[in-house]
Amino acid sequence: MNLTVKLFATLKDKAQANQLVLELEQQLPTVQDLLSQIVVQNPSLASSMKSILVAVNHEFAFSEQILGPNDDIAIFPPVSGG
């Protein structure tokens, strides 16, 4: 299954791309499967994966959430400030 992932802020800078297109072999891939594949294809993002937020279809997602081929996926670094 091919999935497109939108990147924001420092993640976009580290990957030098606004989005990633990833192919996952799992029949029912999860957010965790996706994050693992991102690190394989983009080692520069590995250090950021421990503190990111993932949104699927405009709602925050947990690592065990199953992904579908038409899902809108976005990854954000932690937000801070005031």
PDB file of N, CA and C in Angstrom:
ATOM      1  N   MET A   1       0.848  -1.169   0.000  1.00  0.00           N
ATOM      2  CA  MET A   1       0.000   0.000   0.000  1.00  0.00           C
ATOM      3  C   MET A   1       0.899   1.239   0.000  1.00  0.00           C
ATOM      4  N   ASN A   2       0.627   2.185  -0.874  1.00  0.00           N
ATOM      5  CA  ASN A   2       1.344   3.453  -0.905  1.00  0.00           C
ATOM      6  C   ASN A   2       0.605   4.484  -0.064  1.00  0.00           C
ATOM      7  N   LEU A   3       1.365   5.185   0.766  1.00  0.00           N
ATOM      8  CA  LEU A   3       0.799   6.227   1.615  1.00  0.00           C
ATOM      9  C   LEU A   3       1.608   7.506   1.454  1.00  0.00           C
ATOM     10  N   THR A   4       0.914   8.620   1.408  1.00  0.00           N
ATOM     11  CA  THR A   4       1.564   9.925   1.353  1.00  0.00           C
ATOM     12  C   THR A   4       1.467  10.564   2.726  1.00  0.00           C
ATOM     13  N   VAL A   5       2.602  11.046   3.208  1.00  0.00           N
ATOM     14  CA  VAL A   5       2.690  11.640   4.538  1.00  0.00           C
ATOM     15  C   VAL A   5       3.163  13.082   4.399  1.00  0.00           C
ATOM     16  N   LYS A   6       2.398  14.007   4.933  1.00  0.00           N
ATOM     17  CA  LYS A   6       2.782  15.422   4.922  1.00  0.00           C
ATOM     18  C   LYS A   6       3.661  15.703   6.138  1.00  0.00           C
ATOM     19  N   LEU A   7       4.719  16.468   5.924  1.00  0.00           N
ATOM     20  CA  LEU A   7       5.645  16.831   6.991  1.00  0.00           C
ATOM     21  C   LEU A   7       5.555  18.327   7.268  1.00  0.00           C
ATOM     22  N   PHE A   8       5.770  18.703   8.532  1.00  0.00           N
ATOM     23  CA  PHE A   8       5.683  20.101   8.921  1.00  0.00           C
ATOM     24  C   PHE A   8       6.874  20.511   9.775  1.00  0.00           C
ATOM     25  N   ALA A   9       7.168  21.807   9.753  1.00  0.00           N
ATOM     26  CA  ALA A   9       8.171  22.459  10.595  1.00  0.00           C
ATOM     27  C   ALA A   9       9.541  21.794  10.467  1.00  0.00           C
ATOM     28  N   THR A  10      10.164  21.446  11.587  1.00  0.00           N
ATOM     29  CA  THR A  10      11.524  20.904  11.554  1.00  0.00           C
ATOM     30  C   THR A  10      11.605  19.560  10.844  1.00  0.00           C
ATOM     31  N   LEU A  11      10.528  18.791  10.838  1.00  0.00           N
ATOM     32  CA  LEU A  11      10.541  17.508  10.125  1.00  0.00           C
ATOM     33  C   LEU A  11      10.704  17.737   8.630  1.00  0.00           C
ATOM     34  N   LYS A  12      10.023  18.728   8.125  1.00  0.00           N
ATOM     35  CA  LYS A  12      10.129  19.087   6.706  1.00  0.00           C
ATOM     36  C   LYS A  12      11.564  19.506   6.384  1.00  0.00           C
ATOM     37  N   ASP A  13      12.166  20.259   7.278  1.00  0.00           N
ATOM     38  CA  ASP A  13      13.543  20.715   7.069  1.00  0.00           C
ATOM     39  C   ASP A  13      14.526  19.546   7.073  1.00  0.00           C
ATOM     40  N   LYS A  14      14.387  18.648   8.036  1.00  0.00           N
ATOM     41  CA  LYS A  14      15.298  17.505   8.127  1.00  0.00           C
ATOM     42  C   LYS A  14      15.174  16.570   6.931  1.00  0.00           C
ATOM     43  N   ALA A  15      13.957  16.356   6.460  1.00  0.00           N
ATOM     44  CA  ALA A  15      13.732  15.457   5.321  1.00  0.00           C
ATOM     45  C   ALA A  15      13.984  16.155   3.988  1.00  0.00           C
ATOM     46  N   GLN A  16      14.075  17.466   4.022  1.00  0.00           N
ATOM     47  CA  GLN A  16      14.224  18.285   2.813  1.00  0.00           C
ATOM     48  C   GLN A  16      13.110  17.994   1.812  1.00  0.00           C
ATOM     49  N   ALA A  17      11.899  17.840   2.357  1.00  0.00           N
ATOM     50  CA  ALA A  17      10.723  17.554   1.528  1.00  0.00           C
ATOM     51  C   ALA A  17       9.467  17.944   2.293  1.00  0.00           C
ATOM     52  N   ASN A  18       8.431  18.332   1.564  1.00  0.00           N
ATOM     53  CA  ASN A  18       7.140  18.653   2.181  1.00  0.00           C
ATOM     54  C   ASN A  18       6.328  17.412   2.494  1.00  0.00           C
ATOM     55  N   GLN A  19       6.590  16.341   1.750  1.00  0.00           N
ATOM     56  CA  GLN A  19       5.852  15.096   1.960  1.00  0.00           C
ATOM     57  C   GLN A  19       6.713  13.915   1.550  1.00  0.00           C
ATOM     58  N   LEU A  20       6.325  12.750   2.051  1.00  0.00           N
ATOM     59  CA  LEU A  20       6.980  11.492   1.711  1.00  0.00           C
ATOM     60  C   LEU A  20       5.938  10.552   1.139  1.00  0.00           C
ATOM     61  N   VAL A  21       6.336   9.753   0.171  1.00  0.00           N
ATOM     62  CA  VAL A  21       5.475   8.691  -0.341  1.00  0.00           C
ATOM     63  C   VAL A  21       6.152   7.383   0.032  1.00  0.00           C
ATOM     64  N   LEU A  22       5.444   6.568   0.800  1.00  0.00           N
ATOM     65  CA  LEU A  22       6.011   5.326   1.325  1.00  0.00           C
ATOM     66  C   LEU A  22       5.187   4.136   0.879  1.00  0.00           C
ATOM     67  N   GLU A  23       5.874   3.030   0.625  1.00  0.00           N
ATOM     68  CA  GLU A  23       5.184   1.787   0.309  1.00  0.00           C
ATOM     69  C   GLU A  23       5.307   0.862   1.513  1.00  0.00           C
ATOM     70  N   LEU A  24       4.165   0.435   2.035  1.00  0.00           N
ATOM     71  CA  LEU A  24       4.145  -0.485   3.173  1.00  0.00           C
ATOM     72  C   LEU A  24       3.654  -1.843   2.702  1.00  0.00           C
ATOM     73  N   GLU A  25       4.339  -2.889   3.132  1.00  0.00           N
ATOM     74  CA  GLU A  25       4.015  -4.253   2.708  1.00  0.00           C
ATOM     75  C   GLU A  25       2.857  -4.861   3.496  1.00  0.00           C
ATOM     76  N   GLN A  26       2.615  -4.373   4.712  1.00  0.00           N
ATOM     77  CA  GLN A  26       1.589  -4.957   5.568  1.00  0.00           C
ATOM     78  C   GLN A  26       0.201  -4.783   4.942  1.00  0.00           C
ATOM     79  N   GLN A  27      -0.654  -5.792   5.142  1.00  0.00           N
ATOM     80  CA  GLN A  27      -2.026  -5.711   4.634  1.00  0.00           C
ATOM     81  C   GLN A  27      -2.841  -4.675   5.405  1.00  0.00           C
ATOM     82  N   LEU A  28      -2.617  -4.603   6.705  1.00  0.00           N
ATOM     83  CA  LEU A  28      -3.304  -3.632   7.561  1.00  0.00           C
ATOM     84  C   LEU A  28      -2.242  -2.827   8.315  1.00  0.00           C
ATOM     85  N   PRO A  29      -1.567  -1.907   7.635  1.00  0.00           N
ATOM     86  CA  PRO A  29      -0.479  -1.174   8.295  1.00  0.00           C
ATOM     87  C   PRO A  29      -0.999  -0.246   9.387  1.00  0.00           C
ATOM     88  N   THR A  30      -0.188  -0.107  10.416  1.00  0.00           N
ATOM     89  CA  THR A  30      -0.516   0.783  11.529  1.00  0.00           C
ATOM     90  C   THR A  30       0.352   2.043  11.454  1.00  0.00           C
ATOM     91  N   VAL A  31       0.029   2.997  12.288  1.00  0.00           N
ATOM     92  CA  VAL A  31       0.849   4.198  12.390  1.00  0.00           C
ATOM     93  C   VAL A  31       2.277   3.808  12.752  1.00  0.00           C
ATOM     94  N   GLN A  32       2.451   2.847  13.656  1.00  0.00           N
ATOM     95  CA  GLN A  32       3.803   2.420  14.042  1.00  0.00           C
ATOM     96  C   GLN A  32       4.548   1.823  12.856  1.00  0.00           C
ATOM     97  N   ASP A  33       3.878   1.029  12.023  1.00  0.00           N
ATOM     98  CA  ASP A  33       4.514   0.492  10.809  1.00  0.00           C
ATOM     99  C   ASP A  33       4.990   1.634   9.914  1.00  0.00           C
ATOM    100  N   LEU A  34       4.158   2.639   9.775  1.00  0.00           N
ATOM    101  CA  LEU A  34       4.494   3.798   8.953  1.00  0.00           C
ATOM    102  C   LEU A  34       5.722   4.518   9.504  1.00  0.00           C
ATOM    103  N   LEU A  35       5.745   4.763  10.806  1.00  0.00           N
ATOM    104  CA  LEU A  35       6.874   5.464  11.411  1.00  0.00           C
ATOM    105  C   LEU A  35       8.167   4.671  11.269  1.00  0.00           C
ATOM    106  N   SER A  36       8.079   3.362  11.398  1.00  0.00           N
ATOM    107  CA  SER A  36       9.261   2.515  11.219  1.00  0.00           C
ATOM    108  C   SER A  36       9.800   2.627   9.799  1.00  0.00           C
ATOM    109  N   GLN A  37       8.909   2.629   8.826  1.00  0.00           N
ATOM    110  CA  GLN A  37       9.322   2.738   7.429  1.00  0.00           C
ATOM    111  C   GLN A  37       9.900   4.120   7.122  1.00  0.00           C
ATOM    112  N   ILE A  38       9.364   5.148   7.746  1.00  0.00           N
ATOM    113  CA  ILE A  38       9.912   6.495   7.562  1.00  0.00           C
ATOM    114  C   ILE A  38      11.370   6.534   7.997  1.00  0.00           C
ATOM    115  N   VAL A  39      11.684   5.926   9.137  1.00  0.00           N
ATOM    116  CA  VAL A  39      13.056   5.916   9.642  1.00  0.00           C
ATOM    117  C   VAL A  39      13.970   5.124   8.708  1.00  0.00           C
ATOM    118  N   VAL A  40      13.480   4.014   8.165  1.00  0.00           N
ATOM    119  CA  VAL A  40      14.284   3.217   7.229  1.00  0.00           C
ATOM    120  C   VAL A  40      14.635   4.049   5.994  1.00  0.00           C
ATOM    121  N   GLN A  41      13.652   4.744   5.451  1.00  0.00           N
ATOM    122  CA  GLN A  41      13.870   5.504   4.221  1.00  0.00           C
ATOM    123  C   GLN A  41      14.483   6.884   4.455  1.00  0.00           C
ATOM    124  N   ASN A  42      14.355   7.404   5.670  1.00  0.00           N
ATOM    125  CA  ASN A  42      14.846   8.751   5.988  1.00  0.00           C
ATOM    126  C   ASN A  42      15.521   8.754   7.351  1.00  0.00           C
ATOM    127  N   PRO A  43      16.725   8.208   7.448  1.00  0.00           N
ATOM    128  CA  PRO A  43      17.406   8.133   8.748  1.00  0.00           C
ATOM    129  C   PRO A  43      17.573   9.488   9.436  1.00  0.00           C
ATOM    130  N   SER A  44      17.566  10.564   8.675  1.00  0.00           N
ATOM    131  CA  SER A  44      17.715  11.896   9.277  1.00  0.00           C
ATOM    132  C   SER A  44      16.549  12.245  10.203  1.00  0.00           C
ATOM    133  N   LEU A  45      15.434  11.529  10.069  1.00  0.00           N
ATOM    134  CA  LEU A  45      14.263  11.788  10.913  1.00  0.00           C
ATOM    135  C   LEU A  45      14.218  10.911  12.169  1.00  0.00           C
ATOM    136  N   ALA A  46      15.141   9.977  12.295  1.00  0.00           N
ATOM    137  CA  ALA A  46      15.095   9.006  13.398  1.00  0.00           C
ATOM    138  C   ALA A  46      15.048   9.674  14.766  1.00  0.00           C
ATOM    139  N   SER A  47      15.871  10.680  14.981  1.00  0.00           N
ATOM    140  CA  SER A  47      15.919  11.311  16.305  1.00  0.00           C
ATOM    141  C   SER A  47      14.626  12.055  16.639  1.00  0.00           C
ATOM    142  N   SER A  48      13.858  12.407  15.648  1.00  0.00           N
ATOM    143  CA  SER A  48      12.610  13.145  15.868  1.00  0.00           C
ATOM    144  C   SER A  48      11.408  12.242  16.123  1.00  0.00           C
ATOM    145  N   MET A  49      11.501  10.979  15.805  1.00  0.00           N
ATOM    146  CA  MET A  49      10.344  10.085  15.857  1.00  0.00           C
ATOM    147  C   MET A  49       9.825   9.818  17.266  1.00  0.00           C
ATOM    148  N   LYS A  50      10.647  10.078  18.288  1.00  0.00           N
ATOM    149  CA  LYS A  50      10.220   9.806  19.662  1.00  0.00           C
ATOM    150  C   LYS A  50       9.250  10.852  20.200  1.00  0.00           C
ATOM    151  N   SER A  51       9.216  12.011  19.564  1.00  0.00           N
ATOM    152  CA  SER A  51       8.409  13.092  20.133  1.00  0.00           C
ATOM    153  C   SER A  51       7.482  13.749  19.114  1.00  0.00           C
ATOM    154  N   ILE A  52       7.057  12.996  18.113  1.00  0.00           N
ATOM    155  CA  ILE A  52       6.200  13.577  17.082  1.00  0.00           C
ATOM    156  C   ILE A  52       4.722  13.350  17.377  1.00  0.00           C
ATOM    157  N   LEU A  53       3.901  14.095  16.682  1.00  0.00           N
ATOM    158  CA  LEU A  53       2.453  13.909  16.719  1.00  0.00           C
ATOM    159  C   LEU A  53       2.019  13.482  15.326  1.00  0.00           C
ATOM    160  N   VAL A  54       1.159  12.475  15.264  1.00  0.00           N
ATOM    161  CA  VAL A  54       0.651  11.986  13.980  1.00  0.00           C
ATOM    162  C   VAL A  54      -0.841  12.263  13.918  1.00  0.00           C
ATOM    163  N   ALA A  55      -1.269  12.827  12.814  1.00  0.00           N
ATOM    164  CA  ALA A  55      -2.697  13.053  12.575  1.00  0.00           C
ATOM    165  C   ALA A  55      -3.120  12.232  11.362  1.00  0.00           C
ATOM    166  N   VAL A  56      -4.240  11.545  11.511  1.00  0.00           N
ATOM    167  CA  VAL A  56      -4.825  10.777  10.409  1.00  0.00           C
ATOM    168  C   VAL A  56      -6.228  11.320  10.196  1.00  0.00           C
ATOM    169  N   ASN A  57      -6.475  11.798   9.009  1.00  0.00           N
ATOM    170  CA  ASN A  57      -7.770  12.405   8.669  1.00  0.00           C
ATOM    171  C   ASN A  57      -8.144  13.517   9.647  1.00  0.00           C
ATOM    172  N   HIS A  58      -7.137  14.352   9.962  1.00  0.00           N
ATOM    173  CA  HIS A  58      -7.302  15.558  10.780  1.00  0.00           C
ATOM    174  C   HIS A  58      -7.598  15.281  12.253  1.00  0.00           C
ATOM    175  N   GLU A  59      -7.294  14.066  12.724  1.00  0.00           N
ATOM    176  CA  GLU A  59      -7.432  13.732  14.145  1.00  0.00           C
ATOM    177  C   GLU A  59      -6.155  13.058  14.609  1.00  0.00           C
ATOM    178  N   PHE A  60      -5.713  13.371  15.824  1.00  0.00           N
ATOM    179  CA  PHE A  60      -4.503  12.748  16.335  1.00  0.00           C
ATOM    180  C   PHE A  60      -4.691  11.240  16.424  1.00  0.00           C
ATOM    181  N   ALA A  61      -3.616  10.506  16.098  1.00  0.00           N
ATOM    182  CA  ALA A  61      -3.687   9.046  16.001  1.00  0.00           C
ATOM    183  C   ALA A  61      -2.710   8.397  16.973  1.00  0.00           C
ATOM    184  N   PHE A  62      -3.078   7.213  17.444  1.00  0.00           N
ATOM    185  CA  PHE A  62      -2.208   6.404  18.282  1.00  0.00           C
ATOM    186  C   PHE A  62      -1.423   5.437  17.405  1.00  0.00           C
ATOM    187  N   SER A  63      -0.358   4.871  17.951  1.00  0.00           N
ATOM    188  CA  SER A  63       0.543   4.022  17.164  1.00  0.00           C
ATOM    189  C   SER A  63      -0.126   2.768  16.619  1.00  0.00           C
ATOM    190  N   GLU A  64      -1.181   2.288  17.266  1.00  0.00           N
ATOM    191  CA  GLU A  64      -1.827   1.051  16.819  1.00  0.00           C
ATOM    192  C   GLU A  64      -2.959   1.289  15.810  1.00  0.00           C
ATOM    193  N   GLN A  65      -3.234   2.543  15.475  1.00  0.00           N
ATOM    194  CA  GLN A  65      -4.308   2.828  14.515  1.00  0.00           C
ATOM    195  C   GLN A  65      -3.966   2.259  13.141  1.00  0.00           C
ATOM    196  N   ILE A  66      -4.922   1.587  12.537  1.00  0.00           N
ATOM    197  CA  ILE A  66      -4.747   1.010  11.203  1.00  0.00           C
ATOM    198  C   ILE A  66      -4.964   2.099  10.159  1.00  0.00           C
ATOM    199  N   LEU A  67      -4.111   2.085   9.142  1.00  0.00           N
ATOM    200  CA  LEU A  67      -4.159   3.088   8.085  1.00  0.00           C
ATOM    201  C   LEU A  67      -4.792   2.528   6.821  1.00  0.00           C
ATOM    202  N   GLY A  68      -5.467   3.393   6.082  1.00  0.00           N
ATOM    203  CA  GLY A  68      -6.067   3.020   4.811  1.00  0.00           C
ATOM    204  C   GLY A  68      -5.416   3.786   3.671  1.00  0.00           C
ATOM    205  N   PRO A  69      -5.609   3.328   2.432  1.00  0.00           N
ATOM    206  CA  PRO A  69      -4.927   3.930   1.279  1.00  0.00           C
ATOM    207  C   PRO A  69      -5.325   5.376   0.995  1.00  0.00           C
ATOM    208  N   ASN A  70      -6.467   5.810   1.439  1.00  0.00           N
ATOM    209  CA  ASN A  70      -6.920   7.175   1.166  1.00  0.00           C
ATOM    210  C   ASN A  70      -6.820   8.099   2.375  1.00  0.00           C
ATOM    211  N   ASP A  71      -6.154   7.638   3.433  1.00  0.00           N
ATOM    212  CA  ASP A  71      -6.034   8.457   4.636  1.00  0.00           C
ATOM    213  C   ASP A  71      -5.162   9.685   4.385  1.00  0.00           C
ATOM    214  N   ASP A  72      -5.533  10.785   5.011  1.00  0.00           N
ATOM    215  CA  ASP A  72      -4.759  12.019   4.994  1.00  0.00           C
ATOM    216  C   ASP A  72      -3.871  11.979   6.236  1.00  0.00           C
ATOM    217  N   ILE A  73      -2.562  11.805   6.034  1.00  0.00           N
ATOM    218  CA  ILE A  73      -1.629  11.601   7.144  1.00  0.00           C
ATOM    219  C   ILE A  73      -0.673  12.786   7.226  1.00  0.00           C
ATOM    220  N   ALA A  74      -0.501  13.303   8.436  1.00  0.00           N
ATOM    221  CA  ALA A  74       0.418  14.414   8.666  1.00  0.00           C
ATOM    222  C   ALA A  74       1.213  14.145   9.934  1.00  0.00           C
ATOM    223  N   ILE A  75       2.474  14.576   9.922  1.00  0.00           N
ATOM    224  CA  ILE A  75       3.348  14.393  11.079  1.00  0.00           C
ATOM    225  C   ILE A  75       3.890  15.758  11.486  1.00  0.00           C
ATOM    226  N   PHE A  76       3.800  16.033  12.797  1.00  0.00           N
ATOM    227  CA  PHE A  76       4.209  17.318  13.355  1.00  0.00           C
ATOM    228  C   PHE A  76       5.211  17.104  14.483  1.00  0.00           C
ATOM    229  N   PRO A  77       6.170  18.001  14.625  1.00  0.00           N
ATOM    230  CA  PRO A  77       6.989  17.976  15.837  1.00  0.00           C
ATOM    231  C   PRO A  77       6.150  18.528  16.988  1.00  0.00           C
ATOM    232  N   PRO A  78       6.590  18.353  18.223  1.00  0.00           N
ATOM    233  CA  PRO A  78       5.828  18.898  19.351  1.00  0.00           C
ATOM    234  C   PRO A  78       5.667  20.412  19.207  1.00  0.00           C
ATOM    235  N   VAL A  79       4.534  20.894  19.638  1.00  0.00           N
ATOM    236  CA  VAL A  79       4.244  22.322  19.568  1.00  0.00           C
ATOM    237  C   VAL A  79       4.482  22.922  20.944  1.00  0.00           C
ATOM    238  N   SER A  80       5.178  24.051  20.977  1.00  0.00           N
ATOM    239  CA  SER A  80       5.390  24.726  22.257  1.00  0.00           C
ATOM    240  C   SER A  80       5.349  26.228  22.028  1.00  0.00           C
ATOM    241  N   GLY A  81       5.343  26.921  23.097  1.00  0.00           N
ATOM    242  CA  GLY A  81       5.322  28.377  22.992  1.00  0.00           C
ATOM    243  C   GLY A  81       4.092  28.950  23.658  1.00  0.00           C
ATOM    244  N   GLY A  82       3.945  30.222  23.554  1.00  0.00           N
ATOM    245  CA  GLY A  82       2.826  30.828  24.253  1.00  0.00           C
ATOM    246  C   GLY A  82       2.191  31.945  23.502  1.00  0.00           C
TER     247      GLY A  82
END
